C-alpha atoms as a PDB file:
ATOM      1  CA  UNK A   1      94.053  80.147  95.643  1.00  0.00           C
ATOM      2  CA  UNK A   2      96.985  82.371  94.829  1.00  0.00           C
ATOM      3  CA  UNK A   3     100.188  82.116  96.898  1.00  0.00           C
ATOM      4  CA  UNK A   4     101.640  85.517  97.752  1.00  0.00           C
ATOM      5  CA  UNK A   5     104.963  86.422  99.335  1.00  0.00           C
ATOM      6  CA  UNK A   6     105.739  89.705 101.012  1.00  0.00           C
ATOM      7  CA  UNK A   7     108.501  91.145 103.162  1.00  0.00           C
ATOM      8  CA  UNK A   8     107.768  92.511 106.624  1.00  0.00           C
ATOM      9  CA  UNK A   9     109.749  94.397 109.256  1.00  0.00           C
ATOM     10  CA  UNK A  10     108.449  92.564 112.363  1.00  0.00           C
ATOM     11  CA  UNK A  11     110.565  94.516 114.865  1.00  0.00           C
ATOM     12  CA  UNK A  12     111.174  97.716 112.941  1.00  0.00           C
ATOM     13  CA  UNK A  13     114.767  98.822 112.435  1.00  0.00           C
ATOM     14  CA  UNK A  14     117.348 101.332 113.611  1.00  0.00           C
ATOM     15  CA  UNK A  15     119.552 103.190 111.107  1.00  0.00           C
ATOM     16  CA  UNK A  16     120.135 100.933 108.089  1.00  0.00           C
ATOM     17  CA  UNK A  17     117.959  97.887 107.445  1.00  0.00           C
ATOM     18  CA  UNK A  18     119.850  94.594 107.601  1.00  0.00           C
ATOM     19  CA  UNK A  19     118.872  91.140 106.368  1.00  0.00           C
ATOM     20  CA  UNK A  20     118.066  90.171 109.977  1.00  0.00           C
ATOM     21  CA  UNK A  21     115.405  92.928 110.174  1.00  0.00           C
ATOM     22  CA  UNK A  22     113.352  91.428 107.320  1.00  0.00           C
ATOM     23  CA  UNK A  23     111.055  88.401 107.276  1.00  0.00           C
ATOM     24  CA  UNK A  24     109.606  86.798 104.127  1.00  0.00           C
ATOM     25  CA  UNK A  25     105.985  85.744 104.716  1.00  0.00           C
ATOM     26  CA  UNK A  26     104.054  83.413 102.391  1.00  0.00           C
ATOM     27  CA  UNK A  27     100.271  83.086 102.543  1.00  0.00           C
ATOM     28  CA  UNK A  28      97.238  82.101 100.478  1.00  0.00           C
ATOM     29  CA  UNK A  29      95.148  84.823  98.884  1.00  0.00           C
ATOM     30  CA  UNK A  30      91.642  84.232  97.596  1.00  0.00           C
ATOM     31  CA  UNK A  31      91.152  84.867  93.873  1.00  0.00           C
ATOM     32  CA  UNK A  32      87.563  85.967  94.530  1.00  0.00           C
ATOM     33  CA  UNK A  33      87.839  89.716  94.058  1.00  0.00           C
ATOM     34  CA  UNK A  34      85.124  92.021  95.315  1.00  0.00           C
ATOM     35  CA  UNK A  35      83.650  94.956  93.396  1.00  0.00           C
ATOM     36  CA  UNK A  36      86.351  97.622  92.901  1.00  0.00           C
ATOM     37  CA  UNK A  37      89.298  95.353  93.874  1.00  0.00           C
ATOM     38  CA  UNK A  38      92.265  94.473  91.643  1.00  0.00           C
ATOM     39  CA  UNK A  39      95.077  91.934  91.994  1.00  0.00           C
ATOM     40  CA  UNK A  40      98.494  93.170  90.830  1.00  0.00           C
ATOM     41  CA  UNK A  41     101.918  91.562  90.564  1.00  0.00           C
ATOM     42  CA  UNK A  42     104.964  93.711  91.323  1.00  0.00           C
ATOM     43  CA  UNK A  43     107.922  92.915  89.109  1.00  0.00           C
ATOM     44  CA  UNK A  44     110.418  95.442  90.473  1.00  0.00           C
ATOM     45  CA  UNK A  45     110.428  97.747  93.488  1.00  0.00           C
ATOM     46  CA  UNK A  46     113.154 100.139  94.562  1.00  0.00           C
ATOM     47  CA  UNK A  47     113.655 102.131  97.748  1.00  0.00           C
ATOM     48  CA  UNK A  48     116.380 104.644  97.030  1.00  0.00           C
ATOM     49  CA  UNK A  49     117.681 107.052  99.650  1.00  0.00           C
ATOM     50  CA  UNK A  50     118.131 109.768  96.993  1.00  0.00           C
END
């Protein structure tokens, strides 16, 4: 099993996102990939307003 972590916005947000709007979720992910599936690791993501 692979442990994955991802951020969610459980209640959405109004205007700017604050730390209280985000929730870090950790779950197990099966390593058994099906035909045509890939497993990727994100190293850096950016959400710029520009």
